[in-house]
C-alpha atoms as a PDB file:
ATOM      1  CA  MET A   1     -34.974 146.355 106.651  1.00  0.00           C
ATOM      2  CA  ASN A   2     -33.041 144.840 103.230  1.00  0.00           C
ATOM      3  CA  LYS A   3     -34.257 144.427  99.664  1.00  0.00           C
ATOM      4  CA  TYR A   4     -35.575 140.987 100.274  1.00  0.00           C
ATOM      5  CA  TYR A   5     -37.925 142.124 103.012  1.00  0.00           C
ATOM      6  CA  MET A   6     -39.251 144.775 100.832  1.00  0.00           C
ATOM      7  CA  VAL A   7     -40.024 142.537  97.904  1.00  0.00           C
ATOM      8  CA  ALA A   8     -41.837 140.125  99.979  1.00  0.00           C
ATOM      9  CA  ILE A   9     -43.936 142.868 101.553  1.00  0.00           C
ATOM     10  CA  VAL A  10     -44.876 143.992  98.168  1.00  0.00           C
ATOM     11  CA  ALA A  11     -45.508 140.466  97.002  1.00  0.00           C
ATOM     12  CA  ILE A  12     -47.834 139.896 100.007  1.00  0.00           C
ATOM     13  CA  ILE A  13     -49.542 143.166  99.265  1.00  0.00           C
ATOM     14  CA  LEU A  14     -50.248 142.233  95.836  1.00  0.00           C
ATOM     15  CA  SER A  15     -51.483 138.885  96.736  1.00  0.00           C
ATOM     16  CA  VAL A  16     -53.995 140.365  99.335  1.00  0.00           C
ATOM     17  CA  VAL A  17     -55.249 142.601  96.752  1.00  0.00           C
ATOM     18  CA  LEU A  18     -55.755 139.777  94.293  1.00  0.00           C
ATOM     19  CA  LEU A  19     -57.674 137.777  97.031  1.00  0.00           C
ATOM     20  CA  PHE A  20     -60.047 140.934  97.858  1.00  0.00           C
ATOM     21  CA  THR A  21     -60.505 141.464  94.279  1.00  0.00           C
ATOM     22  CA  SER A  22     -61.791 137.997  93.455  1.00  0.00           C
ATOM     23  CA  ALA A  23     -59.168 137.836  90.499  1.00  0.00           C
ATOM     24  CA  TYR A  24     -58.036 134.217  91.711  1.00  0.00           C
ATOM     25  CA  GLU A  25     -61.564 132.950  90.346  1.00  0.00           C
ATOM     26  CA  THR A  26     -59.860 133.271  86.786  1.00  0.00           C
ATOM     27  CA  LYS A  27     -56.799 131.062  85.888  1.00  0.00           C
ATOM     28  CA  VAL A  28     -54.604 133.916  85.169  1.00  0.00           C
ATOM     29  CA  GLY A  29     -55.532 135.324  88.503  1.00  0.00           C
ATOM     30  CA  ALA A  30     -55.060 132.164  90.269  1.00  0.00           C
ATOM     31  CA  VAL A  31     -51.649 131.767  88.705  1.00  0.00           C
ATOM     32  CA  MET A  32     -50.722 135.415  89.680  1.00  0.00           C
ATOM     33  CA  LEU A  33     -51.850 134.782  93.227  1.00  0.00           C
ATOM     34  CA  ALA A  34     -49.665 131.600  93.384  1.00  0.00           C
ATOM     35  CA  ILE A  35     -46.652 133.408  91.771  1.00  0.00           C
ATOM     36  CA  CYS A  36     -47.148 136.336  94.529  1.00  0.00           C
ATOM     37  CA  VAL A  37     -47.372 133.757  97.496  1.00  0.00           C
ATOM     38  CA  GLY A  38     -44.377 131.927  96.147  1.00  0.00           C
ATOM     39  CA  ALA A  39     -42.271 135.050  95.928  1.00  0.00           C
ATOM     40  CA  PHE A  40     -43.167 136.293  99.324  1.00  0.00           C
ATOM     41  CA  VAL A  41     -41.958 133.056 100.901  1.00  0.00           C
ATOM     42  CA  LYS A  42     -38.961 132.824  98.739  1.00  0.00           C
ATOM     43  CA  PHE A  43     -38.077 136.610  99.528  1.00  0.00           C
ATOM     44  CA  THR A  44     -38.605 136.229 103.245  1.00  0.00           C
ATOM     45  CA  ALA A  45     -36.488 133.360 103.398  1.00  0.00           C
ATOM     46  CA  ASP A  46     -33.986 135.102 101.407  1.00  0.00           C
ATOM     47  CA  GLY A  47     -33.888 137.899 103.721  1.00  0.00           C
ATOM     48  CA  VAL A  48     -33.743 135.668 106.890  1.00  0.00           C
ATOM     49  CA  LEU A  49     -30.771 133.704 105.613  1.00  0.00           C
ATOM     50  CA  SER A  50     -28.981 136.888 104.630  1.00  0.00           C
ATOM     51  CA  THR A  51     -29.738 138.300 107.875  1.00  0.00           C
ATOM     52  CA  ALA A  52     -28.309 135.035 109.685  1.00  0.00           C
ATOM     53  CA  LYS A  53     -25.126 135.396 107.668  1.00  0.00           C
ATOM     54  CA  LYS A  54     -24.232 138.908 109.115  1.00  0.00           C
END
């Protein structure tokens, strides 16, 4: 497991925590949730691409 996948896992866990605590109802919480989901997608794609290069 490389560093990209570890960061993606942390991002998705943080977004799940934000969803379950209803933090997305505030503007700051919604922005944090969007950033976490975006980070999950970005680091998952980076991990797939770095694995494909090897």
